[in-house]
Amino acid sequence: MNPMGRMNDDNNDPLLKRHPNELMPSLEVQLFKENPNPDLSYMPSPRIFRTHVPYPMLPESVKNSACKIVYITRDPKDMFVSLWHCLNSLVTTQGNDPWPMDEAFDSFCRGVHVFGPFHDHV
């Protein structure tokens, strides 16, 4: 909402030059990884954060708070292909063979992957 470097000139909008992930902190990667009780007072209000935590796994304190939650999901086909490419890029850099598409798809359909069953939280 208040990205660093934001000017009133839309031609100079940071989103034109930087990825949104650089401008919006991740709860689990950037904030809570370093400190379980981060001081957010330095961030001007209103604040926007992002997370990969499914809604059912959010703490009750968040779900019962007055904060607004926007839950964005991707088309499961797109999500699967992206996940498959991402995981294969990791395993092949470690010298392992890529995960065959048919095995990965079967696993995804059964909900056996890093983010769990797609339809359980969408």
PDB file of N, CA and C in Angstrom:
ATOM      1  N   MET A   1       0.830  -1.192   0.000  1.00  0.00           N
ATOM      2  CA  MET A   1       0.000   0.000   0.000  1.00  0.00           C
ATOM      3  C   MET A   1       0.865   1.243   0.000  1.00  0.00           C
ATOM      4  N   ASN A   2       1.988   1.158   0.700  1.00  0.00           N
ATOM      5  CA  ASN A   2       2.908   2.282   0.783  1.00  0.00           C
ATOM      6  C   ASN A   2       4.300   1.817   0.355  1.00  0.00           C
ATOM      7  N   PRO A   3       4.447   1.403  -0.908  1.00  0.00           N
ATOM      8  CA  PRO A   3       5.741   0.841  -1.304  1.00  0.00           C
ATOM      9  C   PRO A   3       6.872   1.868  -1.219  1.00  0.00           C
ATOM     10  N   MET A   4       8.030   1.359  -0.830  1.00  0.00           N
ATOM     11  CA  MET A   4       9.196   2.211  -0.746  1.00  0.00           C
ATOM     12  C   MET A   4       9.477   2.809  -2.134  1.00  0.00           C
ATOM     13  N   GLY A   5       9.683   4.080  -2.182  1.00  0.00           N
ATOM     14  CA  GLY A   5       9.968   4.731  -3.453  1.00  0.00           C
ATOM     15  C   GLY A   5       8.736   5.206  -4.195  1.00  0.00           C
ATOM     16  N   ARG A   6       7.555   5.034  -3.615  1.00  0.00           N
ATOM     17  CA  ARG A   6       6.303   5.420  -4.287  1.00  0.00           C
ATOM     18  C   ARG A   6       6.204   6.930  -4.423  1.00  0.00           C
ATOM     19  N   MET A   7       5.901   7.374  -5.630  1.00  0.00           N
ATOM     20  CA  MET A   7       5.677   8.790  -5.917  1.00  0.00           C
ATOM     21  C   MET A   7       4.246   8.933  -6.423  1.00  0.00           C
ATOM     22  N   ASN A   8       3.765  10.148  -6.543  1.00  0.00           N
ATOM     23  CA  ASN A   8       2.429  10.376  -7.080  1.00  0.00           C
ATOM     24  C   ASN A   8       2.382  10.198  -8.590  1.00  0.00           C
ATOM     25  N   ASP A   9       3.532  10.121  -9.223  1.00  0.00           N
ATOM     26  CA  ASP A   9       3.633   9.966 -10.670  1.00  0.00           C
ATOM     27  C   ASP A   9       3.503   8.492 -11.029  1.00  0.00           C
ATOM     28  N   ASP A  10       2.420   8.107 -11.721  1.00  0.00           N
ATOM     29  CA  ASP A  10       2.206   6.701 -12.077  1.00  0.00           C
ATOM     30  C   ASP A  10       3.295   6.153 -12.989  1.00  0.00           C
ATOM     31  N   ASN A  11       3.978   7.012 -13.737  1.00  0.00           N
ATOM     32  CA  ASN A  11       5.072   6.556 -14.597  1.00  0.00           C
ATOM     33  C   ASN A  11       6.266   6.075 -13.780  1.00  0.00           C
ATOM     34  N   ASN A  12       6.312   6.486 -12.516  1.00  0.00           N
ATOM     35  CA  ASN A  12       7.415   6.118 -11.643  1.00  0.00           C
ATOM     36  C   ASN A  12       6.973   5.082 -10.605  1.00  0.00           C
ATOM     37  N   ASP A  13       5.879   4.395 -10.877  1.00  0.00           N
ATOM     38  CA  ASP A  13       5.341   3.410  -9.946  1.00  0.00           C
ATOM     39  C   ASP A  13       6.330   2.250  -9.795  1.00  0.00           C
ATOM     40  N   PRO A  14       6.703   1.889  -8.555  1.00  0.00           N
ATOM     41  CA  PRO A  14       7.643   0.789  -8.338  1.00  0.00           C
ATOM     42  C   PRO A  14       7.179  -0.537  -8.947  1.00  0.00           C
ATOM     43  N   LEU A  15       5.869  -0.733  -9.089  1.00  0.00           N
ATOM     44  CA  LEU A  15       5.377  -1.979  -9.677  1.00  0.00           C
ATOM     45  C   LEU A  15       5.726  -2.114 -11.156  1.00  0.00           C
ATOM     46  N   LEU A  16       6.077  -1.000 -11.798  1.00  0.00           N
ATOM     47  CA  LEU A  16       6.507  -1.073 -13.185  1.00  0.00           C
ATOM     48  C   LEU A  16       7.948  -1.560 -13.302  1.00  0.00           C
ATOM     49  N   LYS A  17       8.700  -1.466 -12.209  1.00  0.00           N
ATOM     50  CA  LYS A  17      10.128  -1.787 -12.248  1.00  0.00           C
ATOM     51  C   LYS A  17      10.522  -2.951 -11.347  1.00  0.00           C
ATOM     52  N   ARG A  18       9.664  -3.311 -10.406  1.00  0.00           N
ATOM     53  CA  ARG A  18      10.019  -4.345  -9.443  1.00  0.00           C
ATOM     54  C   ARG A  18       8.886  -5.361  -9.326  1.00  0.00           C
ATOM     55  N   HIS A  19       9.241  -6.582  -9.001  1.00  0.00           N
ATOM     56  CA  HIS A  19       8.249  -7.638  -8.805  1.00  0.00           C
ATOM     57  C   HIS A  19       7.465  -7.342  -7.524  1.00  0.00           C
ATOM     58  N   PRO A  20       6.145  -7.600  -7.517  1.00  0.00           N
ATOM     59  CA  PRO A  20       5.351  -7.332  -6.307  1.00  0.00           C
ATOM     60  C   PRO A  20       5.900  -8.021  -5.062  1.00  0.00           C
ATOM     61  N   ASN A  21       6.529  -9.194  -5.222  1.00  0.00           N
ATOM     62  CA  ASN A  21       7.090  -9.889  -4.054  1.00  0.00           C
ATOM     63  C   ASN A  21       8.195  -9.079  -3.380  1.00  0.00           C
ATOM     64  N   GLU A  22       8.858  -8.212  -4.125  1.00  0.00           N
ATOM     65  CA  GLU A  22       9.887  -7.358  -3.533  1.00  0.00           C
ATOM     66  C   GLU A  22       9.273  -6.236  -2.702  1.00  0.00           C
ATOM     67  N   LEU A  23       8.031  -5.891  -2.998  1.00  0.00           N
ATOM     68  CA  LEU A  23       7.382  -4.752  -2.346  1.00  0.00           C
ATOM     69  C   LEU A  23       6.427  -5.162  -1.234  1.00  0.00           C
ATOM     70  N   MET A  24       6.088  -6.437  -1.176  1.00  0.00           N
ATOM     71  CA  MET A  24       5.131  -6.928  -0.184  1.00  0.00           C
ATOM     72  C   MET A  24       5.800  -8.049   0.612  1.00  0.00           C
ATOM     73  N   PRO A  25       6.077  -7.850   1.896  1.00  0.00           N
ATOM     74  CA  PRO A  25       6.800  -8.859   2.658  1.00  0.00           C
ATOM     75  C   PRO A  25       6.006 -10.151   2.861  1.00  0.00           C
ATOM     76  N   SER A  26       6.725 -11.238   2.885  1.00  0.00           N
ATOM     77  CA  SER A  26       6.143 -12.551   3.154  1.00  0.00           C
ATOM     78  C   SER A  26       6.169 -12.796   4.655  1.00  0.00           C
ATOM     79  N   LEU A  27       5.049 -13.222   5.209  1.00  0.00           N
ATOM     80  CA  LEU A  27       4.993 -13.469   6.647  1.00  0.00           C
ATOM     81  C   LEU A  27       5.986 -14.537   7.088  1.00  0.00           C
ATOM     82  N   GLU A  28       5.986 -15.682   6.395  1.00  0.00           N
ATOM     83  CA  GLU A  28       6.809 -16.791   6.854  1.00  0.00           C
ATOM     84  C   GLU A  28       8.263 -16.707   6.411  1.00  0.00           C
ATOM     85  N   VAL A  29       8.562 -15.987   5.360  1.00  0.00           N
ATOM     86  CA  VAL A  29       9.935 -15.946   4.856  1.00  0.00           C
ATOM     87  C   VAL A  29      10.685 -14.712   5.354  1.00  0.00           C
ATOM     88  N   GLN A  30      10.063 -13.546   5.272  1.00  0.00           N
ATOM     89  CA  GLN A  30      10.780 -12.325   5.617  1.00  0.00           C
ATOM     90  C   GLN A  30      10.525 -11.828   7.038  1.00  0.00           C
ATOM     91  N   LEU A  31       9.354 -12.030   7.571  1.00  0.00           N
ATOM     92  CA  LEU A  31       9.059 -11.445   8.880  1.00  0.00           C
ATOM     93  C   LEU A  31       9.301 -12.413  10.041  1.00  0.00           C
ATOM     94  N   PHE A  32       8.650 -13.554  10.029  1.00  0.00           N
ATOM     95  CA  PHE A  32       8.700 -14.451  11.180  1.00  0.00           C
ATOM     96  C   PHE A  32       9.892 -15.400  11.171  1.00  0.00           C
ATOM     97  N   LYS A  33      10.589 -15.509  10.057  1.00  0.00           N
ATOM     98  CA  LYS A  33      11.775 -16.372  10.001  1.00  0.00           C
ATOM     99  C   LYS A  33      12.866 -15.838  10.933  1.00  0.00           C
ATOM    100  N   GLU A  34      13.037 -14.537  10.929  1.00  0.00           N
ATOM    101  CA  GLU A  34      14.073 -13.899  11.739  1.00  0.00           C
ATOM    102  C   GLU A  34      13.627 -13.675  13.184  1.00  0.00           C
ATOM    103  N   ASN A  35      12.334 -13.390  13.369  1.00  0.00           N
ATOM    104  CA  ASN A  35      11.860 -13.008  14.696  1.00  0.00           C
ATOM    105  C   ASN A  35      10.408 -13.458  14.854  1.00  0.00           C
ATOM    106  N   PRO A  36      10.090 -14.309  15.850  1.00  0.00           N
ATOM    107  CA  PRO A  36       8.705 -14.769  16.012  1.00  0.00           C
ATOM    108  C   PRO A  36       7.732 -13.661  16.418  1.00  0.00           C
ATOM    109  N   ASN A  37       8.257 -12.532  16.901  1.00  0.00           N
ATOM    110  CA  ASN A  37       7.424 -11.383  17.267  1.00  0.00           C
ATOM    111  C   ASN A  37       7.996 -10.120  16.627  1.00  0.00           C
ATOM    112  N   PRO A  38       7.877 -10.006  15.300  1.00  0.00           N
ATOM    113  CA  PRO A  38       8.503  -8.850  14.640  1.00  0.00           C
ATOM    114  C   PRO A  38       7.819  -7.535  14.985  1.00  0.00           C
ATOM    115  N   ASP A  39       8.615  -6.481  15.018  1.00  0.00           N
ATOM    116  CA  ASP A  39       8.096  -5.131  15.244  1.00  0.00           C
ATOM    117  C   ASP A  39       7.677  -4.564  13.892  1.00  0.00           C
ATOM    118  N   LEU A  40       6.385  -4.379  13.699  1.00  0.00           N
ATOM    119  CA  LEU A  40       5.858  -3.880  12.432  1.00  0.00           C
ATOM    120  C   LEU A  40       5.545  -2.391  12.482  1.00  0.00           C
ATOM    121  N   SER A  41       5.880  -1.752  13.599  1.00  0.00           N
ATOM    122  CA  SER A  41       5.526  -0.346  13.769  1.00  0.00           C
ATOM    123  C   SER A  41       6.232   0.564  12.762  1.00  0.00           C
ATOM    124  N   TYR A  42       7.349   0.110  12.201  1.00  0.00           N
ATOM    125  CA  TYR A  42       8.055   0.925  11.220  1.00  0.00           C
ATOM    126  C   TYR A  42       7.314   0.985   9.880  1.00  0.00           C
ATOM    127  N   MET A  43       6.365   0.069   9.672  1.00  0.00           N
ATOM    128  CA  MET A  43       5.619   0.037   8.414  1.00  0.00           C
ATOM    129  C   MET A  43       4.384   0.930   8.524  1.00  0.00           C
ATOM    130  N   PRO A  44       4.227   1.870   7.588  1.00  0.00           N
ATOM    131  CA  PRO A  44       3.035   2.727   7.656  1.00  0.00           C
ATOM    132  C   PRO A  44       1.758   1.922   7.423  1.00  0.00           C
ATOM    133  N   SER A  45       0.695   2.365   8.032  1.00  0.00           N
ATOM    134  CA  SER A  45      -0.604   1.710   7.894  1.00  0.00           C
ATOM    135  C   SER A  45      -1.320   2.303   6.687  1.00  0.00           C
ATOM    136  N   PRO A  46      -2.118   1.555   5.968  1.00  0.00           N
ATOM    137  CA  PRO A  46      -2.404   0.132   6.113  1.00  0.00           C
ATOM    138  C   PRO A  46      -1.262  -0.722   5.560  1.00  0.00           C
ATOM    139  N   ARG A  47      -1.139  -1.927   6.109  1.00  0.00           N
ATOM    140  CA  ARG A  47      -0.066  -2.842   5.729  1.00  0.00           C
ATOM    141  C   ARG A  47      -0.632  -4.018   4.939  1.00  0.00           C
ATOM    142  N   ILE A  48       0.154  -4.487   3.977  1.00  0.00           N
ATOM    143  CA  ILE A  48      -0.223  -5.670   3.216  1.00  0.00           C
ATOM    144  C   ILE A  48       0.912  -6.677   3.332  1.00  0.00           C
ATOM    145  N   PHE A  49       0.537  -7.920   3.605  1.00  0.00           N
ATOM    146  CA  PHE A  49       1.504  -9.003   3.670  1.00  0.00           C
ATOM    147  C   PHE A  49       1.029 -10.120   2.764  1.00  0.00           C
ATOM    148  N   ARG A  50       1.940 -11.013   2.425  1.00  0.00           N
ATOM    149  CA  ARG A  50       1.574 -12.186   1.636  1.00  0.00           C
ATOM    150  C   ARG A  50       2.042 -13.428   2.381  1.00  0.00           C
ATOM    151  N   THR A  51       1.387 -14.541   2.085  1.00  0.00           N
ATOM    152  CA  THR A  51       1.759 -15.808   2.699  1.00  0.00           C
ATOM    153  C   THR A  51       1.304 -16.944   1.795  1.00  0.00           C
ATOM    154  N   HIS A  52       1.927 -18.106   1.946  1.00  0.00           N
ATOM    155  CA  HIS A  52       1.485 -19.319   1.266  1.00  0.00           C
ATOM    156  C   HIS A  52       0.730 -20.227   2.238  1.00  0.00           C
ATOM    157  N   VAL A  53       0.504 -19.742   3.447  1.00  0.00           N
ATOM    158  CA  VAL A  53      -0.199 -20.540   4.448  1.00  0.00           C
ATOM    159  C   VAL A  53      -1.677 -20.620   4.081  1.00  0.00           C
ATOM    160  N   PRO A  54      -2.231 -21.839   3.959  1.00  0.00           N
ATOM    161  CA  PRO A  54      -3.664 -21.962   3.662  1.00  0.00           C
ATOM    162  C   PRO A  54      -4.502 -21.375   4.804  1.00  0.00           C
ATOM    163  N   TYR A  55      -5.658 -20.856   4.466  1.00  0.00           N
ATOM    164  CA  TYR A  55      -6.530 -20.215   5.460  1.00  0.00           C
ATOM    165  C   TYR A  55      -6.756 -21.070   6.707  1.00  0.00           C
ATOM    166  N   PRO A  56      -7.062 -22.369   6.584  1.00  0.00           N
ATOM    167  CA  PRO A  56      -7.296 -23.156   7.794  1.00  0.00           C
ATOM    168  C   PRO A  56      -6.096 -23.212   8.735  1.00  0.00           C
ATOM    169  N   MET A  57      -4.898 -22.951   8.231  1.00  0.00           N
ATOM    170  CA  MET A  57      -3.703 -23.019   9.070  1.00  0.00           C
ATOM    171  C   MET A  57      -3.329 -21.675   9.693  1.00  0.00           C
ATOM    172  N   LEU A  58      -4.047 -20.617   9.348  1.00  0.00           N
ATOM    173  CA  LEU A  58      -3.776 -19.328   9.978  1.00  0.00           C
ATOM    174  C   LEU A  58      -4.140 -19.402  11.452  1.00  0.00           C
ATOM    175  N   PRO A  59      -3.428 -18.696  12.307  1.00  0.00           N
ATOM    176  CA  PRO A  59      -3.766 -18.692  13.733  1.00  0.00           C
ATOM    177  C   PRO A  59      -5.156 -18.103  13.957  1.00  0.00           C
ATOM    178  N   GLU A  60      -5.830 -18.582  14.966  1.00  0.00           N
ATOM    179  CA  GLU A  60      -7.159 -18.069  15.302  1.00  0.00           C
ATOM    180  C   GLU A  60      -7.115 -16.565  15.566  1.00  0.00           C
ATOM    181  N   SER A  61      -6.000 -16.089  16.117  1.00  0.00           N
ATOM    182  CA  SER A  61      -5.887 -14.652  16.394  1.00  0.00           C
ATOM    183  C   SER A  61      -5.989 -13.834  15.110  1.00  0.00           C
ATOM    184  N   VAL A  62      -5.497 -14.368  14.011  1.00  0.00           N
ATOM    185  CA  VAL A  62      -5.598 -13.673  12.727  1.00  0.00           C
ATOM    186  C   VAL A  62      -7.008 -13.802  12.178  1.00  0.00           C
ATOM    187  N   LYS A  63      -7.539 -15.029  12.206  1.00  0.00           N
ATOM    188  CA  LYS A  63      -8.885 -15.250  11.657  1.00  0.00           C
ATOM    189  C   LYS A  63      -9.950 -14.473  12.429  1.00  0.00           C
ATOM    190  N   ASN A  64      -9.741 -14.266  13.722  1.00  0.00           N
ATOM    191  CA  ASN A  64     -10.730 -13.568  14.550  1.00  0.00           C
ATOM    192  C   ASN A  64     -10.453 -12.077  14.675  1.00  0.00           C
ATOM    193  N   SER A  65      -9.421 -11.596  14.031  1.00  0.00           N
ATOM    194  CA  SER A  65      -9.082 -10.178  14.126  1.00  0.00           C
ATOM    195  C   SER A  65      -9.920  -9.369  13.134  1.00  0.00           C
ATOM    196  N   ALA A  66      -9.731  -8.078  13.187  1.00  0.00           N
ATOM    197  CA  ALA A  66     -10.446  -7.188  12.264  1.00  0.00           C
ATOM    198  C   ALA A  66      -9.710  -7.016  10.947  1.00  0.00           C
ATOM    199  N   CYS A  67      -8.579  -7.718  10.773  1.00  0.00           N
ATOM    200  CA  CYS A  67      -7.836  -7.555   9.521  1.00  0.00           C
ATOM    201  C   CYS A  67      -8.617  -8.163   8.360  1.00  0.00           C
ATOM    202  N   LYS A  68      -8.381  -7.633   7.199  1.00  0.00           N
ATOM    203  CA  LYS A  68      -9.035  -8.136   5.991  1.00  0.00           C
ATOM    204  C   LYS A  68      -8.112  -9.155   5.335  1.00  0.00           C
ATOM    205  N   ILE A  69      -8.688 -10.242   4.862  1.00  0.00           N
ATOM    206  CA  ILE A  69      -7.924 -11.292   4.211  1.00  0.00           C
ATOM    207  C   ILE A  69      -8.445 -11.456   2.793  1.00  0.00           C
ATOM    208  N   VAL A  70      -7.549 -11.379   1.839  1.00  0.00           N
ATOM    209  CA  VAL A  70      -7.892 -11.635   0.448  1.00  0.00           C
ATOM    210  C   VAL A  70      -7.203 -12.936   0.086  1.00  0.00           C
ATOM    211  N   TYR A  71      -7.984 -13.930  -0.259  1.00  0.00           N
ATOM    212  CA  TYR A  71      -7.447 -15.253  -0.570  1.00  0.00           C
ATOM    213  C   TYR A  71      -7.411 -15.402  -2.077  1.00  0.00           C
ATOM    214  N   ILE A  72      -6.214 -15.477  -2.623  1.00  0.00           N
ATOM    215  CA  ILE A  72      -6.046 -15.583  -4.070  1.00  0.00           C
ATOM    216  C   ILE A  72      -5.541 -16.975  -4.389  1.00  0.00           C
ATOM    217  N   THR A  73      -6.154 -17.588  -5.374  1.00  0.00           N
ATOM    218  CA  THR A  73      -5.708 -18.907  -5.792  1.00  0.00           C
ATOM    219  C   THR A  73      -5.546 -18.930  -7.300  1.00  0.00           C
ATOM    220  N   ARG A  74      -4.768 -19.882  -7.744  1.00  0.00           N
ATOM    221  CA  ARG A  74      -4.532 -20.020  -9.175  1.00  0.00           C
ATOM    222  C   ARG A  74      -5.347 -21.174  -9.720  1.00  0.00           C
ATOM    223  N   ASP A  75      -5.523 -21.169 -11.030  1.00  0.00           N
ATOM    224  CA  ASP A  75      -6.130 -22.302 -11.704  1.00  0.00           C
ATOM    225  C   ASP A  75      -5.278 -23.533 -11.362  1.00  0.00           C
ATOM    226  N   PRO A  76      -5.899 -24.638 -10.925  1.00  0.00           N
ATOM    227  CA  PRO A  76      -5.100 -25.800 -10.505  1.00  0.00           C
ATOM    228  C   PRO A  76      -4.194 -26.344 -11.611  1.00  0.00           C
ATOM    229  N   LYS A  77      -4.600 -26.227 -12.859  1.00  0.00           N
ATOM    230  CA  LYS A  77      -3.729 -26.689 -13.958  1.00  0.00           C
ATOM    231  C   LYS A  77      -2.461 -25.837 -14.010  1.00  0.00           C
ATOM    232  N   ASP A  78      -2.631 -24.542 -13.915  1.00  0.00           N
ATOM    233  CA  ASP A  78      -1.501 -23.628 -13.931  1.00  0.00           C
ATOM    234  C   ASP A  78      -0.617 -23.856 -12.707  1.00  0.00           C
ATOM    235  N   MET A  79      -1.248 -24.036 -11.559  1.00  0.00           N
ATOM    236  CA  MET A  79      -0.503 -24.273 -10.325  1.00  0.00           C
ATOM    237  C   MET A  79       0.328 -25.548 -10.431  1.00  0.00           C
ATOM    238  N   PHE A  80      -0.266 -26.608 -10.974  1.00  0.00           N
ATOM    239  CA  PHE A  80       0.455 -27.873 -11.104  1.00  0.00           C
ATOM    240  C   PHE A  80       1.681 -27.726 -12.002  1.00  0.00           C
ATOM    241  N   VAL A  81       1.501 -27.123 -13.164  1.00  0.00           N
ATOM    242  CA  VAL A  81       2.623 -26.979 -14.101  1.00  0.00           C
ATOM    243  C   VAL A  81       3.728 -26.132 -13.475  1.00  0.00           C
ATOM    244  N   SER A  82       3.362 -25.052 -12.802  1.00  0.00           N
ATOM    245  CA  SER A  82       4.342 -24.193 -12.147  1.00  0.00           C
ATOM    246  C   SER A  82       5.075 -24.958 -11.049  1.00  0.00           C
ATOM    247  N   LEU A  83       4.334 -25.693 -10.227  1.00  0.00           N
ATOM    248  CA  LEU A  83       4.921 -26.493  -9.155  1.00  0.00           C
ATOM    249  C   LEU A  83       5.871 -27.546  -9.720  1.00  0.00           C
ATOM    250  N   TRP A  84       5.463 -28.199 -10.804  1.00  0.00           N
ATOM    251  CA  TRP A  84       6.284 -29.230 -11.435  1.00  0.00           C
ATOM    252  C   TRP A  84       7.602 -28.645 -11.939  1.00  0.00           C
ATOM    253  N   HIS A  85       7.522 -27.485 -12.610  1.00  0.00           N
ATOM    254  CA  HIS A  85       8.746 -26.829 -13.095  1.00  0.00           C
ATOM    255  C   HIS A  85       9.644 -26.407 -11.925  1.00  0.00           C
ATOM    256  N   CYS A  86       9.049 -25.844 -10.900  1.00  0.00           N
ATOM    257  CA  CYS A  86       9.811 -25.368  -9.745  1.00  0.00           C
ATOM    258  C   CYS A  86      10.528 -26.536  -9.056  1.00  0.00           C
ATOM    259  N   LEU A  87       9.790 -27.609  -8.763  1.00  0.00           N
ATOM    260  CA  LEU A  87      10.396 -28.757  -8.093  1.00  0.00           C
ATOM    261  C   LEU A  87      11.474 -29.402  -8.959  1.00  0.00           C
ATOM    262  N   ASN A  88      11.234 -29.492 -10.260  1.00  0.00           N
ATOM    263  CA  ASN A  88      12.247 -30.079 -11.144  1.00  0.00           C
ATOM    264  C   ASN A  88      13.497 -29.215 -11.224  1.00  0.00           C
ATOM    265  N   SER A  89      13.332 -27.901 -11.165  1.00  0.00           N
ATOM    266  CA  SER A  89      14.528 -27.048 -11.188  1.00  0.00           C
ATOM    267  C   SER A  89      15.358 -27.272  -9.926  1.00  0.00           C
ATOM    268  N   LEU A  90      14.702 -27.564  -8.810  1.00  0.00           N
ATOM    269  CA  LEU A  90      15.429 -27.826  -7.569  1.00  0.00           C
ATOM    270  C   LEU A  90      16.136 -29.179  -7.598  1.00  0.00           C
ATOM    271  N   VAL A  91      15.429 -30.227  -8.026  1.00  0.00           N
ATOM    272  CA  VAL A  91      16.028 -31.568  -7.989  1.00  0.00           C
ATOM    273  C   VAL A  91      17.117 -31.733  -9.043  1.00  0.00           C
ATOM    274  N   THR A  92      16.966 -31.110 -10.202  1.00  0.00           N
ATOM    275  CA  THR A  92      17.988 -31.272 -11.234  1.00  0.00           C
ATOM    276  C   THR A  92      19.270 -30.524 -10.887  1.00  0.00           C
ATOM    277  N   THR A  93      19.177 -29.427 -10.134  1.00  0.00           N
ATOM    278  CA  THR A  93      20.402 -28.725  -9.711  1.00  0.00           C
ATOM    279  C   THR A  93      21.169 -29.542  -8.683  1.00  0.00           C
ATOM    280  N   GLN A  94      20.483 -30.492  -8.048  1.00  0.00           N
ATOM    281  CA  GLN A  94      21.146 -31.375  -7.079  1.00  0.00           C
ATOM    282  C   GLN A  94      21.615 -32.669  -7.734  1.00  0.00           C
ATOM    283  N   GLY A  95      21.523 -32.728  -9.071  1.00  0.00           N
ATOM    284  CA  GLY A  95      22.007 -33.889  -9.805  1.00  0.00           C
ATOM    285  C   GLY A  95      21.014 -35.031  -9.920  1.00  0.00           C
ATOM    286  N   ASN A  96      19.775 -34.810  -9.533  1.00  0.00           N
ATOM    287  CA  ASN A  96      18.741 -35.845  -9.624  1.00  0.00           C
ATOM    288  C   ASN A  96      17.985 -35.731 -10.943  1.00  0.00           C
ATOM    289  N   ASP A  97      17.370 -36.827 -11.340  1.00  0.00           N
ATOM    290  CA  ASP A  97      16.548 -36.822 -12.550  1.00  0.00           C
ATOM    291  C   ASP A  97      15.272 -36.033 -12.307  1.00  0.00           C
ATOM    292  N   PRO A  98      14.729 -35.389 -13.342  1.00  0.00           N
ATOM    293  CA  PRO A  98      13.456 -34.667 -13.174  1.00  0.00           C
ATOM    294  C   PRO A  98      12.322 -35.629 -12.836  1.00  0.00           C
ATOM    295  N   TRP A  99      11.327 -35.108 -12.154  1.00  0.00           N
ATOM    296  CA  TRP A  99      10.148 -35.877 -11.762  1.00  0.00           C
ATOM    297  C   TRP A  99       9.284 -36.046 -13.000  1.00  0.00           C
ATOM    298  N   PRO A 100       8.990 -37.278 -13.415  1.00  0.00           N
ATOM    299  CA  PRO A 100       8.146 -37.470 -14.601  1.00  0.00           C
ATOM    300  C   PRO A 100       6.779 -36.811 -14.434  1.00  0.00           C
ATOM    301  N   MET A 101       6.313 -36.172 -15.490  1.00  0.00           N
ATOM    302  CA  MET A 101       5.046 -35.438 -15.461  1.00  0.00           C
ATOM    303  C   MET A 101       3.884 -36.312 -15.014  1.00  0.00           C
ATOM    304  N   ASP A 102       3.783 -37.544 -15.514  1.00  0.00           N
ATOM    305  CA  ASP A 102       2.633 -38.386 -15.156  1.00  0.00           C
ATOM    306  C   ASP A 102       2.653 -38.750 -13.678  1.00  0.00           C
ATOM    307  N   GLU A 103       3.826 -39.010 -13.110  1.00  0.00           N
ATOM    308  CA  GLU A 103       3.909 -39.306 -11.675  1.00  0.00           C
ATOM    309  C   GLU A 103       3.576 -38.068 -10.843  1.00  0.00           C
ATOM    310  N   ALA A 104       4.090 -36.922 -11.262  1.00  0.00           N
ATOM    311  CA  ALA A 104       3.821 -35.681 -10.546  1.00  0.00           C
ATOM    312  C   ALA A 104       2.328 -35.342 -10.586  1.00  0.00           C
ATOM    313  N   PHE A 105       1.704 -35.538 -11.746  1.00  0.00           N
ATOM    314  CA  PHE A 105       0.276 -35.252 -11.878  1.00  0.00           C
ATOM    315  C   PHE A 105      -0.555 -36.163 -10.984  1.00  0.00           C
ATOM    316  N   ASP A 106      -0.215 -37.444 -10.953  1.00  0.00           N
ATOM    317  CA  ASP A 106      -0.924 -38.387 -10.085  1.00  0.00           C
ATOM    318  C   ASP A 106      -0.784 -37.970  -8.619  1.00  0.00           C
ATOM    319  N   SER A 107       0.420 -37.600  -8.227  1.00  0.00           N
ATOM    320  CA  SER A 107       0.665 -37.156  -6.858  1.00  0.00           C
ATOM    321  C   SER A 107      -0.139 -35.889  -6.544  1.00  0.00           C
ATOM    322  N   PHE A 108      -0.139 -34.939  -7.473  1.00  0.00           N
ATOM    323  CA  PHE A 108      -0.888 -33.689  -7.285  1.00  0.00           C
ATOM    324  C   PHE A 108      -2.378 -33.977  -7.111  1.00  0.00           C
ATOM    325  N   CYS A 109      -2.918 -34.859  -7.947  1.00  0.00           N
ATOM    326  CA  CYS A 109      -4.351 -35.194  -7.873  1.00  0.00           C
ATOM    327  C   CYS A 109      -4.708 -35.859  -6.548  1.00  0.00           C
ATOM    328  N   ARG A 110      -3.771 -36.593  -5.974  1.00  0.00           N
ATOM    329  CA  ARG A 110      -4.000 -37.242  -4.679  1.00  0.00           C
ATOM    330  C   ARG A 110      -3.727 -36.301  -3.506  1.00  0.00           C
ATOM    331  N   GLY A 111      -3.238 -35.084  -3.814  1.00  0.00           N
ATOM    332  CA  GLY A 111      -2.974 -34.105  -2.757  1.00  0.00           C
ATOM    333  C   GLY A 111      -1.655 -34.310  -2.053  1.00  0.00           C
ATOM    334  N   VAL A 112      -0.772 -35.109  -2.660  1.00  0.00           N
ATOM    335  CA  VAL A 112       0.519 -35.388  -2.045  1.00  0.00           C
ATOM    336  C   VAL A 112       1.561 -34.454  -2.661  1.00  0.00           C
ATOM    337  N   HIS A 113       1.673 -33.256  -2.096  1.00  0.00           N
ATOM    338  CA  HIS A 113       2.670 -32.295  -2.535  1.00  0.00           C
ATOM    339  C   HIS A 113       2.858 -31.253  -1.449  1.00  0.00           C
ATOM    340  N   VAL A 114       3.783 -30.360  -1.671  1.00  0.00           N
ATOM    341  CA  VAL A 114       4.231 -29.436  -0.639  1.00  0.00           C
ATOM    342  C   VAL A 114       3.113 -28.596  -0.003  1.00  0.00           C
ATOM    343  N   PHE A 115       2.080 -28.219  -0.748  1.00  0.00           N
ATOM    344  CA  PHE A 115       1.020 -27.385  -0.174  1.00  0.00           C
ATOM    345  C   PHE A 115      -0.234 -28.171   0.175  1.00  0.00           C
ATOM    346  N   GLY A 116      -0.190 -29.484   0.063  1.00  0.00           N
ATOM    347  CA  GLY A 116      -1.323 -30.327   0.417  1.00  0.00           C
ATOM    348  C   GLY A 116      -2.422 -30.296  -0.621  1.00  0.00           C
ATOM    349  N   PRO A 117      -3.498 -31.003  -0.341  1.00  0.00           N
ATOM    350  CA  PRO A 117      -4.601 -31.108  -1.321  1.00  0.00           C
ATOM    351  C   PRO A 117      -5.156 -29.732  -1.699  1.00  0.00           C
ATOM    352  N   PHE A 118      -5.206 -29.480  -2.982  1.00  0.00           N
ATOM    353  CA  PHE A 118      -5.671 -28.209  -3.517  1.00  0.00           C
ATOM    354  C   PHE A 118      -7.080 -27.874  -3.041  1.00  0.00           C
ATOM    355  N   HIS A 119      -8.012 -28.825  -3.183  1.00  0.00           N
ATOM    356  CA  HIS A 119      -9.426 -28.546  -2.891  1.00  0.00           C
ATOM    357  C   HIS A 119      -9.757 -28.520  -1.403  1.00  0.00           C
ATOM    358  N   ASP A 120      -8.816 -28.880  -0.543  1.00  0.00           N
ATOM    359  CA  ASP A 120      -9.082 -28.824   0.895  1.00  0.00           C
ATOM    360  C   ASP A 120      -9.076 -27.399   1.434  1.00  0.00           C
ATOM    361  N   HIS A 121      -8.460 -26.479   0.708  1.00  0.00           N
ATOM    362  CA  HIS A 121      -8.424 -25.111   1.240  1.00  0.00           C
ATOM    363  C   HIS A 121      -8.850 -24.052   0.235  1.00  0.00           C
ATOM    364  N   VAL A 122      -9.369 -24.478  -0.893  1.00  0.00           N
ATOM    365  CA  VAL A 122      -9.844 -23.514  -1.886  1.00  0.00           C
ATOM    366  C   VAL A 122     -11.370 -23.510  -1.888  1.00  0.00           C
TER     367      VAL A 122
END
